[in-house]
Amino acid sequence: MSEATFVEQVGGLSERYRRSSLGLKAWARQVAVELGGRAGERLCRRMYLAAGRTRLLELLDPPPAPERSPRVLGVDEFAFRKGRTYGTSSST
């Protein structure tokens, strides 16, 4: 009698090539949203979960860019008095 391994994807529970459940992924994403990278990593370490700061930050979605965002931003720095007071002016 030969042994065979059968693996089936369970909807809502797992994804192909995923090493953790979708629930754990959602939980880690929420930790990343609330705490960020380093603090989230410390919390995961306390809970004995293998999730580093870069992994947590990869779970975040980038914010949408506004339709009319500046393409070029220039910043000039100048001194009012040498070594004392500095100012900046920006232009788009």
PDB file of N, CA and C in Angstrom:
ATOM      1  N   MET A   1       0.833  -1.171   0.000  1.00  0.00           N
ATOM      2  CA  MET A   1       0.000   0.000   0.000  1.00  0.00           C
ATOM      3  C   MET A   1       0.884   1.242   0.000  1.00  0.00           C
ATOM      4  N   SER A   2       0.656   2.144  -0.942  1.00  0.00           N
ATOM      5  CA  SER A   2       1.474   3.357  -1.034  1.00  0.00           C
ATOM      6  C   SER A   2       0.757   4.513  -0.350  1.00  0.00           C
ATOM      7  N   GLU A   3       1.541   5.402   0.182  1.00  0.00           N
ATOM      8  CA  GLU A   3       0.980   6.565   0.847  1.00  0.00           C
ATOM      9  C   GLU A   3       1.026   7.757  -0.098  1.00  0.00           C
ATOM     10  N   ALA A   4      -0.037   8.527  -0.132  1.00  0.00           N
ATOM     11  CA  ALA A   4      -0.099   9.726  -0.957  1.00  0.00           C
ATOM     12  C   ALA A   4      -0.600  10.882  -0.095  1.00  0.00           C
ATOM     13  N   THR A   5      -0.084  12.042  -0.376  1.00  0.00           N
ATOM     14  CA  THR A   5      -0.512  13.236   0.338  1.00  0.00           C
ATOM     15  C   THR A   5      -1.476  13.996  -0.547  1.00  0.00           C
ATOM     16  N   PHE A   6      -2.607  14.353  -0.001  1.00  0.00           N
ATOM     17  CA  PHE A   6      -3.614  15.098  -0.738  1.00  0.00           C
ATOM     18  C   PHE A   6      -3.818  16.433  -0.032  1.00  0.00           C
ATOM     19  N   VAL A   7      -3.681  17.514  -0.774  1.00  0.00           N
ATOM     20  CA  VAL A   7      -3.844  18.841  -0.196  1.00  0.00           C
ATOM     21  C   VAL A   7      -4.917  19.572  -0.983  1.00  0.00           C
ATOM     22  N   GLU A   8      -5.885  20.120  -0.282  1.00  0.00           N
ATOM     23  CA  GLU A   8      -6.957  20.862  -0.922  1.00  0.00           C
ATOM     24  C   GLU A   8      -7.012  22.262  -0.327  1.00  0.00           C
ATOM     25  N   GLN A   9      -7.225  23.261  -1.174  1.00  0.00           N
ATOM     26  CA  GLN A   9      -7.362  24.626  -0.706  1.00  0.00           C
ATOM     27  C   GLN A   9      -8.758  24.815  -0.127  1.00  0.00           C
ATOM     28  N   VAL A  10      -8.819  25.271   1.092  1.00  0.00           N
ATOM     29  CA  VAL A  10     -10.090  25.512   1.753  1.00  0.00           C
ATOM     30  C   VAL A  10     -10.407  26.995   1.597  1.00  0.00           C
ATOM     31  N   GLY A  11     -11.550  27.311   0.983  1.00  0.00           N
ATOM     32  CA  GLY A  11     -11.924  28.701   0.759  1.00  0.00           C
ATOM     33  C   GLY A  11     -12.067  29.484   2.047  1.00  0.00           C
ATOM     34  N   GLY A  12     -11.455  30.668   2.112  1.00  0.00           N
ATOM     35  CA  GLY A  12     -11.532  31.513   3.297  1.00  0.00           C
ATOM     36  C   GLY A  12     -10.593  31.116   4.416  1.00  0.00           C
ATOM     37  N   LEU A  13      -9.875  30.017   4.252  1.00  0.00           N
ATOM     38  CA  LEU A  13      -8.966  29.556   5.301  1.00  0.00           C
ATOM     39  C   LEU A  13      -7.511  29.601   4.854  1.00  0.00           C
ATOM     40  N   SER A  14      -7.272  29.290   3.591  1.00  0.00           N
ATOM     41  CA  SER A  14      -5.894  29.226   3.126  1.00  0.00           C
ATOM     42  C   SER A  14      -5.792  29.726   1.696  1.00  0.00           C
ATOM     43  N   GLU A  15      -4.564  30.033   1.295  1.00  0.00           N
ATOM     44  CA  GLU A  15      -4.239  30.423  -0.065  1.00  0.00           C
ATOM     45  C   GLU A  15      -3.080  29.569  -0.534  1.00  0.00           C
ATOM     46  N   ARG A  16      -2.936  29.490  -1.827  1.00  0.00           N
ATOM     47  CA  ARG A  16      -1.834  28.719  -2.389  1.00  0.00           C
ATOM     48  C   ARG A  16      -0.500  29.359  -2.005  1.00  0.00           C
ATOM     49  N   TYR A  17       0.468  28.568  -1.635  1.00  0.00           N
ATOM     50  CA  TYR A  17       1.820  28.968  -1.249  1.00  0.00           C
ATOM     51  C   TYR A  17       1.863  29.803   0.029  1.00  0.00           C
ATOM     52  N   ARG A  18       0.801  29.885   0.783  1.00  0.00           N
ATOM     53  CA  ARG A  18       0.777  30.645   2.028  1.00  0.00           C
ATOM     54  C   ARG A  18       1.203  29.725   3.166  1.00  0.00           C
ATOM     55  N   ARG A  19       2.017  30.251   4.061  1.00  0.00           N
ATOM     56  CA  ARG A  19       2.494  29.462   5.187  1.00  0.00           C
ATOM     57  C   ARG A  19       1.717  29.737   6.460  1.00  0.00           C
ATOM     58  N   SER A  20       0.676  30.565   6.360  1.00  0.00           N
ATOM     59  CA  SER A  20      -0.182  30.832   7.509  1.00  0.00           C
ATOM     60  C   SER A  20      -1.612  31.009   7.019  1.00  0.00           C
ATOM     61  N   SER A  21      -2.545  31.002   7.942  1.00  0.00           N
ATOM     62  CA  SER A  21      -3.955  31.116   7.569  1.00  0.00           C
ATOM     63  C   SER A  21      -4.301  32.564   7.202  1.00  0.00           C
ATOM     64  N   LEU A  22      -5.412  32.719   6.529  1.00  0.00           N
ATOM     65  CA  LEU A  22      -5.860  34.064   6.168  1.00  0.00           C
ATOM     66  C   LEU A  22      -6.249  34.865   7.402  1.00  0.00           C
ATOM     67  N   GLY A  23      -6.753  34.185   8.430  1.00  0.00           N
ATOM     68  CA  GLY A  23      -7.094  34.864   9.675  1.00  0.00           C
ATOM     69  C   GLY A  23      -5.861  35.444  10.354  1.00  0.00           C
ATOM     70  N   LEU A  24      -4.771  34.683  10.362  1.00  0.00           N
ATOM     71  CA  LEU A  24      -3.532  35.174  10.949  1.00  0.00           C
ATOM     72  C   LEU A  24      -2.977  36.334  10.130  1.00  0.00           C
ATOM     73  N   LYS A  25      -3.113  36.260   8.814  1.00  0.00           N
ATOM     74  CA  LYS A  25      -2.673  37.353   7.941  1.00  0.00           C
ATOM     75  C   LYS A  25      -3.463  38.628   8.245  1.00  0.00           C
ATOM     76  N   ALA A  26      -4.773  38.510   8.417  1.00  0.00           N
ATOM     77  CA  ALA A  26      -5.609  39.665   8.737  1.00  0.00           C
ATOM     78  C   ALA A  26      -5.246  40.229  10.107  1.00  0.00           C
ATOM     79  N   TRP A  27      -4.974  39.366  11.063  1.00  0.00           N
ATOM     80  CA  TRP A  27      -4.585  39.805  12.392  1.00  0.00           C
ATOM     81  C   TRP A  27      -3.258  40.555  12.334  1.00  0.00           C
ATOM     82  N   ALA A  28      -2.278  40.010  11.591  1.00  0.00           N
ATOM     83  CA  ALA A  28      -0.975  40.658  11.476  1.00  0.00           C
ATOM     84  C   ALA A  28      -1.106  41.998  10.758  1.00  0.00           C
ATOM     85  N   ARG A  29      -1.987  42.092   9.768  1.00  0.00           N
ATOM     86  CA  ARG A  29      -2.205  43.364   9.072  1.00  0.00           C
ATOM     87  C   ARG A  29      -2.759  44.400  10.038  1.00  0.00           C
ATOM     88  N   GLN A  30      -3.680  44.002  10.899  1.00  0.00           N
ATOM     89  CA  GLN A  30      -4.246  44.938  11.869  1.00  0.00           C
ATOM     90  C   GLN A  30      -3.191  45.390  12.871  1.00  0.00           C
ATOM     91  N   VAL A  31      -2.309  44.491  13.279  1.00  0.00           N
ATOM     92  CA  VAL A  31      -1.203  44.868  14.170  1.00  0.00           C
ATOM     93  C   VAL A  31      -0.323  45.896  13.473  1.00  0.00           C
ATOM     94  N   ALA A  32      -0.040  45.685  12.183  1.00  0.00           N
ATOM     95  CA  ALA A  32       0.792  46.621  11.434  1.00  0.00           C
ATOM     96  C   ALA A  32       0.115  47.976  11.302  1.00  0.00           C
ATOM     97  N   VAL A  33      -1.192  47.996  11.101  1.00  0.00           N
ATOM     98  CA  VAL A  33      -1.922  49.265  10.981  1.00  0.00           C
ATOM     99  C   VAL A  33      -1.891  50.024  12.300  1.00  0.00           C
ATOM    100  N   GLU A  34      -2.108  49.332  13.391  1.00  0.00           N
ATOM    101  CA  GLU A  34      -2.202  49.990  14.697  1.00  0.00           C
ATOM    102  C   GLU A  34      -0.846  50.369  15.280  1.00  0.00           C
ATOM    103  N   LEU A  35       0.160  49.483  15.132  1.00  0.00           N
ATOM    104  CA  LEU A  35       1.431  49.699  15.827  1.00  0.00           C
ATOM    105  C   LEU A  35       2.597  50.034  14.911  1.00  0.00           C
ATOM    106  N   GLY A  36       2.528  49.657  13.664  1.00  0.00           N
ATOM    107  CA  GLY A  36       3.653  49.888  12.775  1.00  0.00           C
ATOM    108  C   GLY A  36       4.628  48.730  12.805  1.00  0.00           C
ATOM    109  N   GLY A  37       5.848  48.971  12.349  1.00  0.00           N
ATOM    110  CA  GLY A  37       6.836  47.921  12.182  1.00  0.00           C
ATOM    111  C   GLY A  37       7.487  47.427  13.451  1.00  0.00           C
ATOM    112  N   ARG A  38       8.239  48.287  14.106  1.00  0.00           N
ATOM    113  CA  ARG A  38       9.025  47.832  15.262  1.00  0.00           C
ATOM    114  C   ARG A  38       8.161  47.472  16.468  1.00  0.00           C
ATOM    115  N   ALA A  39       7.173  48.303  16.775  1.00  0.00           N
ATOM    116  CA  ALA A  39       6.297  47.987  17.912  1.00  0.00           C
ATOM    117  C   ALA A  39       5.474  46.732  17.614  1.00  0.00           C
ATOM    118  N   GLY A  40       5.024  46.582  16.374  1.00  0.00           N
ATOM    119  CA  GLY A  40       4.288  45.378  15.984  1.00  0.00           C
ATOM    120  C   GLY A  40       5.148  44.136  16.088  1.00  0.00           C
ATOM    121  N   GLU A  41       6.412  44.268  15.711  1.00  0.00           N
ATOM    122  CA  GLU A  41       7.343  43.139  15.829  1.00  0.00           C
ATOM    123  C   GLU A  41       7.523  42.738  17.288  1.00  0.00           C
ATOM    124  N   ARG A  42       7.632  43.727  18.185  1.00  0.00           N
ATOM    125  CA  ARG A  42       7.784  43.414  19.608  1.00  0.00           C
ATOM    126  C   ARG A  42       6.550  42.705  20.151  1.00  0.00           C
ATOM    127  N   LEU A  43       5.355  43.152  19.744  1.00  0.00           N
ATOM    128  CA  LEU A  43       4.137  42.487  20.181  1.00  0.00           C
ATOM    129  C   LEU A  43       4.088  41.051  19.662  1.00  0.00           C
ATOM    130  N   CYS A  44       4.424  40.856  18.412  1.00  0.00           N
ATOM    131  CA  CYS A  44       4.417  39.503  17.842  1.00  0.00           C
ATOM    132  C   CYS A  44       5.430  38.606  18.547  1.00  0.00           C
ATOM    133  N   ARG A  45       6.579  39.160  18.895  1.00  0.00           N
ATOM    134  CA  ARG A  45       7.585  38.366  19.605  1.00  0.00           C
ATOM    135  C   ARG A  45       7.064  37.927  20.966  1.00  0.00           C
ATOM    136  N   ARG A  46       6.344  38.831  21.659  1.00  0.00           N
ATOM    137  CA  ARG A  46       5.771  38.483  22.965  1.00  0.00           C
ATOM    138  C   ARG A  46       4.709  37.402  22.852  1.00  0.00           C
ATOM    139  N   MET A  47       4.034  37.354  21.699  1.00  0.00           N
ATOM    140  CA  MET A  47       2.969  36.369  21.480  1.00  0.00           C
ATOM    141  C   MET A  47       3.489  35.126  20.749  1.00  0.00           C
ATOM    142  N   TYR A  48       4.816  35.021  20.600  1.00  0.00           N
ATOM    143  CA  TYR A  48       5.471  33.880  19.966  1.00  0.00           C
ATOM    144  C   TYR A  48       5.007  33.669  18.522  1.00  0.00           C
ATOM    145  N   LEU A  49       4.857  34.775  17.793  1.00  0.00           N
ATOM    146  CA  LEU A  49       4.515  34.718  16.379  1.00  0.00           C
ATOM    147  C   LEU A  49       5.716  35.183  15.572  1.00  0.00           C
ATOM    148  N   ALA A  50       5.996  34.485  14.498  1.00  0.00           N
ATOM    149  CA  ALA A  50       7.132  34.830  13.644  1.00  0.00           C
ATOM    150  C   ALA A  50       6.687  35.865  12.615  1.00  0.00           C
ATOM    151  N   ALA A  51       6.804  37.134  12.976  1.00  0.00           N
ATOM    152  CA  ALA A  51       6.472  38.218  12.061  1.00  0.00           C
ATOM    153  C   ALA A  51       7.412  39.378  12.343  1.00  0.00           C
ATOM    154  N   GLY A  52       8.353  39.598  11.441  1.00  0.00           N
ATOM    155  CA  GLY A  52       9.282  40.705  11.586  1.00  0.00           C
ATOM    156  C   GLY A  52       8.675  42.010  11.110  1.00  0.00           C
ATOM    157  N   ARG A  53       9.399  43.097  11.343  1.00  0.00           N
ATOM    158  CA  ARG A  53       8.855  44.413  10.984  1.00  0.00           C
ATOM    159  C   ARG A  53       8.676  44.574   9.494  1.00  0.00           C
ATOM    160  N   THR A  54       9.586  44.031   8.693  1.00  0.00           N
ATOM    161  CA  THR A  54       9.424  44.164   7.247  1.00  0.00           C
ATOM    162  C   THR A  54       8.232  43.355   6.755  1.00  0.00           C
ATOM    163  N   ARG A  55       8.007  42.194   7.331  1.00  0.00           N
ATOM    164  CA  ARG A  55       6.839  41.388   6.949  1.00  0.00           C
ATOM    165  C   ARG A  55       5.542  42.114   7.299  1.00  0.00           C
ATOM    166  N   LEU A  56       5.495  42.726   8.467  1.00  0.00           N
ATOM    167  CA  LEU A  56       4.306  43.462   8.870  1.00  0.00           C
ATOM    168  C   LEU A  56       4.057  44.647   7.934  1.00  0.00           C
ATOM    169  N   LEU A  57       5.111  45.357   7.587  1.00  0.00           N
ATOM    170  CA  LEU A  57       4.944  46.518   6.719  1.00  0.00           C
ATOM    171  C   LEU A  57       4.572  46.116   5.289  1.00  0.00           C
ATOM    172  N   GLU A  58       4.974  44.925   4.855  1.00  0.00           N
ATOM    173  CA  GLU A  58       4.584  44.440   3.526  1.00  0.00           C
ATOM    174  C   GLU A  58       3.086  44.162   3.453  1.00  0.00           C
ATOM    175  N   LEU A  59       2.453  43.903   4.580  1.00  0.00           N
ATOM    176  CA  LEU A  59       1.025  43.624   4.595  1.00  0.00           C
ATOM    177  C   LEU A  59       0.172  44.878   4.395  1.00  0.00           C
ATOM    178  N   LEU A  60       0.777  46.049   4.585  1.00  0.00           N
ATOM    179  CA  LEU A  60       0.029  47.296   4.453  1.00  0.00           C
ATOM    180  C   LEU A  60      -0.143  47.660   2.983  1.00  0.00           C
ATOM    181  N   ASP A  61      -1.284  48.248   2.673  1.00  0.00           N
ATOM    182  CA  ASP A  61      -1.537  48.745   1.323  1.00  0.00           C
ATOM    183  C   ASP A  61      -1.085  50.198   1.250  1.00  0.00           C
ATOM    184  N   PRO A  62      -0.463  50.586   0.141  1.00  0.00           N
ATOM    185  CA  PRO A  62      -0.042  51.986   0.028  1.00  0.00           C
ATOM    186  C   PRO A  62      -1.262  52.900  -0.068  1.00  0.00           C
ATOM    187  N   PRO A  63      -1.170  54.104   0.475  1.00  0.00           N
ATOM    188  CA  PRO A  63      -2.308  55.022   0.394  1.00  0.00           C
ATOM    189  C   PRO A  63      -2.524  55.466  -1.048  1.00  0.00           C
ATOM    190  N   PRO A  64      -3.756  55.744  -1.423  1.00  0.00           N
ATOM    191  CA  PRO A  64      -4.012  56.178  -2.794  1.00  0.00           C
ATOM    192  C   PRO A  64      -3.427  57.566  -3.043  1.00  0.00           C
ATOM    193  N   ALA A  65      -2.868  57.742  -4.217  1.00  0.00           N
ATOM    194  CA  ALA A  65      -2.318  59.050  -4.585  1.00  0.00           C
ATOM    195  C   ALA A  65      -3.439  59.931  -5.104  1.00  0.00           C
ATOM    196  N   PRO A  66      -3.470  61.188  -4.690  1.00  0.00           N
ATOM    197  CA  PRO A  66      -4.518  62.073  -5.202  1.00  0.00           C
ATOM    198  C   PRO A  66      -4.357  62.293  -6.701  1.00  0.00           C
ATOM    199  N   GLU A  67      -5.453  62.624  -7.358  1.00  0.00           N
ATOM    200  CA  GLU A  67      -5.410  62.815  -8.807  1.00  0.00           C
ATOM    201  C   GLU A  67      -4.461  63.942  -9.192  1.00  0.00           C
ATOM    202  N   ARG A  68      -4.531  65.032  -8.466  1.00  0.00           N
ATOM    203  CA  ARG A  68      -3.704  66.184  -8.810  1.00  0.00           C
ATOM    204  C   ARG A  68      -2.581  66.336  -7.781  1.00  0.00           C
ATOM    205  N   SER A  69      -1.622  65.470  -7.835  1.00  0.00           N
ATOM    206  CA  SER A  69      -0.486  65.597  -6.936  1.00  0.00           C
ATOM    207  C   SER A  69       0.666  66.250  -7.705  1.00  0.00           C
ATOM    208  N   PRO A  70       1.514  67.019  -7.024  1.00  0.00           N
ATOM    209  CA  PRO A  70       2.618  67.682  -7.727  1.00  0.00           C
ATOM    210  C   PRO A  70       3.600  66.660  -8.277  1.00  0.00           C
ATOM    211  N   ARG A  71       4.073  66.923  -9.457  1.00  0.00           N
ATOM    212  CA  ARG A  71       5.047  66.021 -10.078  1.00  0.00           C
ATOM    213  C   ARG A  71       6.460  66.375  -9.654  1.00  0.00           C
ATOM    214  N   VAL A  72       6.721  67.674  -9.431  1.00  0.00           N
ATOM    215  CA  VAL A  72       8.052  68.131  -9.048  1.00  0.00           C
ATOM    216  C   VAL A  72       7.903  69.082  -7.873  1.00  0.00           C
ATOM    217  N   LEU A  73       8.740  68.910  -6.871  1.00  0.00           N
ATOM    218  CA  LEU A  73       8.717  69.788  -5.703  1.00  0.00           C
ATOM    219  C   LEU A  73      10.134  70.272  -5.464  1.00  0.00           C
ATOM    220  N   GLY A  74      10.315  71.565  -5.439  1.00  0.00           N
ATOM    221  CA  GLY A  74      11.631  72.131  -5.196  1.00  0.00           C
ATOM    222  C   GLY A  74      11.660  72.829  -3.851  1.00  0.00           C
ATOM    223  N   VAL A  75      12.741  72.660  -3.100  1.00  0.00           N
ATOM    224  CA  VAL A  75      12.895  73.304  -1.797  1.00  0.00           C
ATOM    225  C   VAL A  75      14.234  74.030  -1.792  1.00  0.00           C
ATOM    226  N   ASP A  76      14.203  75.315  -1.489  1.00  0.00           N
ATOM    227  CA  ASP A  76      15.416  76.122  -1.395  1.00  0.00           C
ATOM    228  C   ASP A  76      15.650  76.481   0.061  1.00  0.00           C
ATOM    229  N   GLU A  77      16.888  76.381   0.492  1.00  0.00           N
ATOM    230  CA  GLU A  77      17.244  76.759   1.851  1.00  0.00           C
ATOM    231  C   GLU A  77      18.129  77.992   1.786  1.00  0.00           C
ATOM    232  N   PHE A  78      17.964  78.893   2.739  1.00  0.00           N
ATOM    233  CA  PHE A  78      18.795  80.088   2.768  1.00  0.00           C
ATOM    234  C   PHE A  78      18.980  80.518   4.213  1.00  0.00           C
ATOM    235  N   ALA A  79      19.957  81.357   4.436  1.00  0.00           N
ATOM    236  CA  ALA A  79      20.257  81.838   5.778  1.00  0.00           C
ATOM    237  C   ALA A  79      19.890  83.315   5.887  1.00  0.00           C
ATOM    238  N   PHE A  80      19.126  83.668   6.929  1.00  0.00           N
ATOM    239  CA  PHE A  80      18.852  85.074   7.204  1.00  0.00           C
ATOM    240  C   PHE A  80      20.121  85.728   7.760  1.00  0.00           C
ATOM    241  N   ARG A  81      20.742  85.040   8.721  1.00  0.00           N
ATOM    242  CA  ARG A  81      22.025  85.466   9.269  1.00  0.00           C
ATOM    243  C   ARG A  81      22.947  84.263   9.260  1.00  0.00           C
ATOM    244  N   LYS A  82      24.168  84.459   8.846  1.00  0.00           N
ATOM    245  CA  LYS A  82      25.103  83.353   8.702  1.00  0.00           C
ATOM    246  C   LYS A  82      25.269  82.595  10.025  1.00  0.00           C
ATOM    247  N   GLY A  83      24.913  81.275   9.986  1.00  0.00           N
ATOM    248  CA  GLY A  83      25.080  80.427  11.163  1.00  0.00           C
ATOM    249  C   GLY A  83      24.042  80.609  12.260  1.00  0.00           C
ATOM    250  N   ARG A  84      23.025  81.450  12.049  1.00  0.00           N
ATOM    251  CA  ARG A  84      22.064  81.741  13.102  1.00  0.00           C
ATOM    252  C   ARG A  84      20.631  81.297  12.772  1.00  0.00           C
ATOM    253  N   THR A  85      20.088  81.845  11.728  1.00  0.00           N
ATOM    254  CA  THR A  85      18.677  81.621  11.407  1.00  0.00           C
ATOM    255  C   THR A  85      18.552  81.164   9.963  1.00  0.00           C
ATOM    256  N   TYR A  86      17.816  80.092   9.753  1.00  0.00           N
ATOM    257  CA  TYR A  86      17.657  79.536   8.413  1.00  0.00           C
ATOM    258  C   TYR A  86      16.202  79.526   8.013  1.00  0.00           C
ATOM    259  N   GLY A  87      15.942  79.561   6.736  1.00  0.00           N
ATOM    260  CA  GLY A  87      14.580  79.526   6.218  1.00  0.00           C
ATOM    261  C   GLY A  87      14.530  78.683   4.964  1.00  0.00           C
ATOM    262  N   THR A  88      13.338  78.328   4.589  1.00  0.00           N
ATOM    263  CA  THR A  88      13.131  77.544   3.365  1.00  0.00           C
ATOM    264  C   THR A  88      11.997  78.158   2.571  1.00  0.00           C
ATOM    265  N   SER A  89      12.054  77.981   1.295  1.00  0.00           N
ATOM    266  CA  SER A  89      10.932  78.353   0.440  1.00  0.00           C
ATOM    267  C   SER A  89      10.702  77.189  -0.513  1.00  0.00           C
ATOM    268  N   SER A  90       9.471  76.862  -0.736  1.00  0.00           N
ATOM    269  CA  SER A  90       9.164  75.734  -1.620  1.00  0.00           C
ATOM    270  C   SER A  90       8.371  76.229  -2.806  1.00  0.00           C
ATOM    271  N   SER A  91       8.527  75.532  -3.905  1.00  0.00           N
ATOM    272  CA  SER A  91       7.765  75.843  -5.108  1.00  0.00           C
ATOM    273  C   SER A  91       7.362  74.551  -5.763  1.00  0.00           C
ATOM    274  N   THR A  92       6.219  74.564  -6.435  1.00  0.00           N
ATOM    275  CA  THR A  92       5.750  73.358  -7.128  1.00  0.00           C
ATOM    276  C   THR A  92       5.774  73.569  -8.617  1.00  0.00           C
TER     277      THR A  92
END
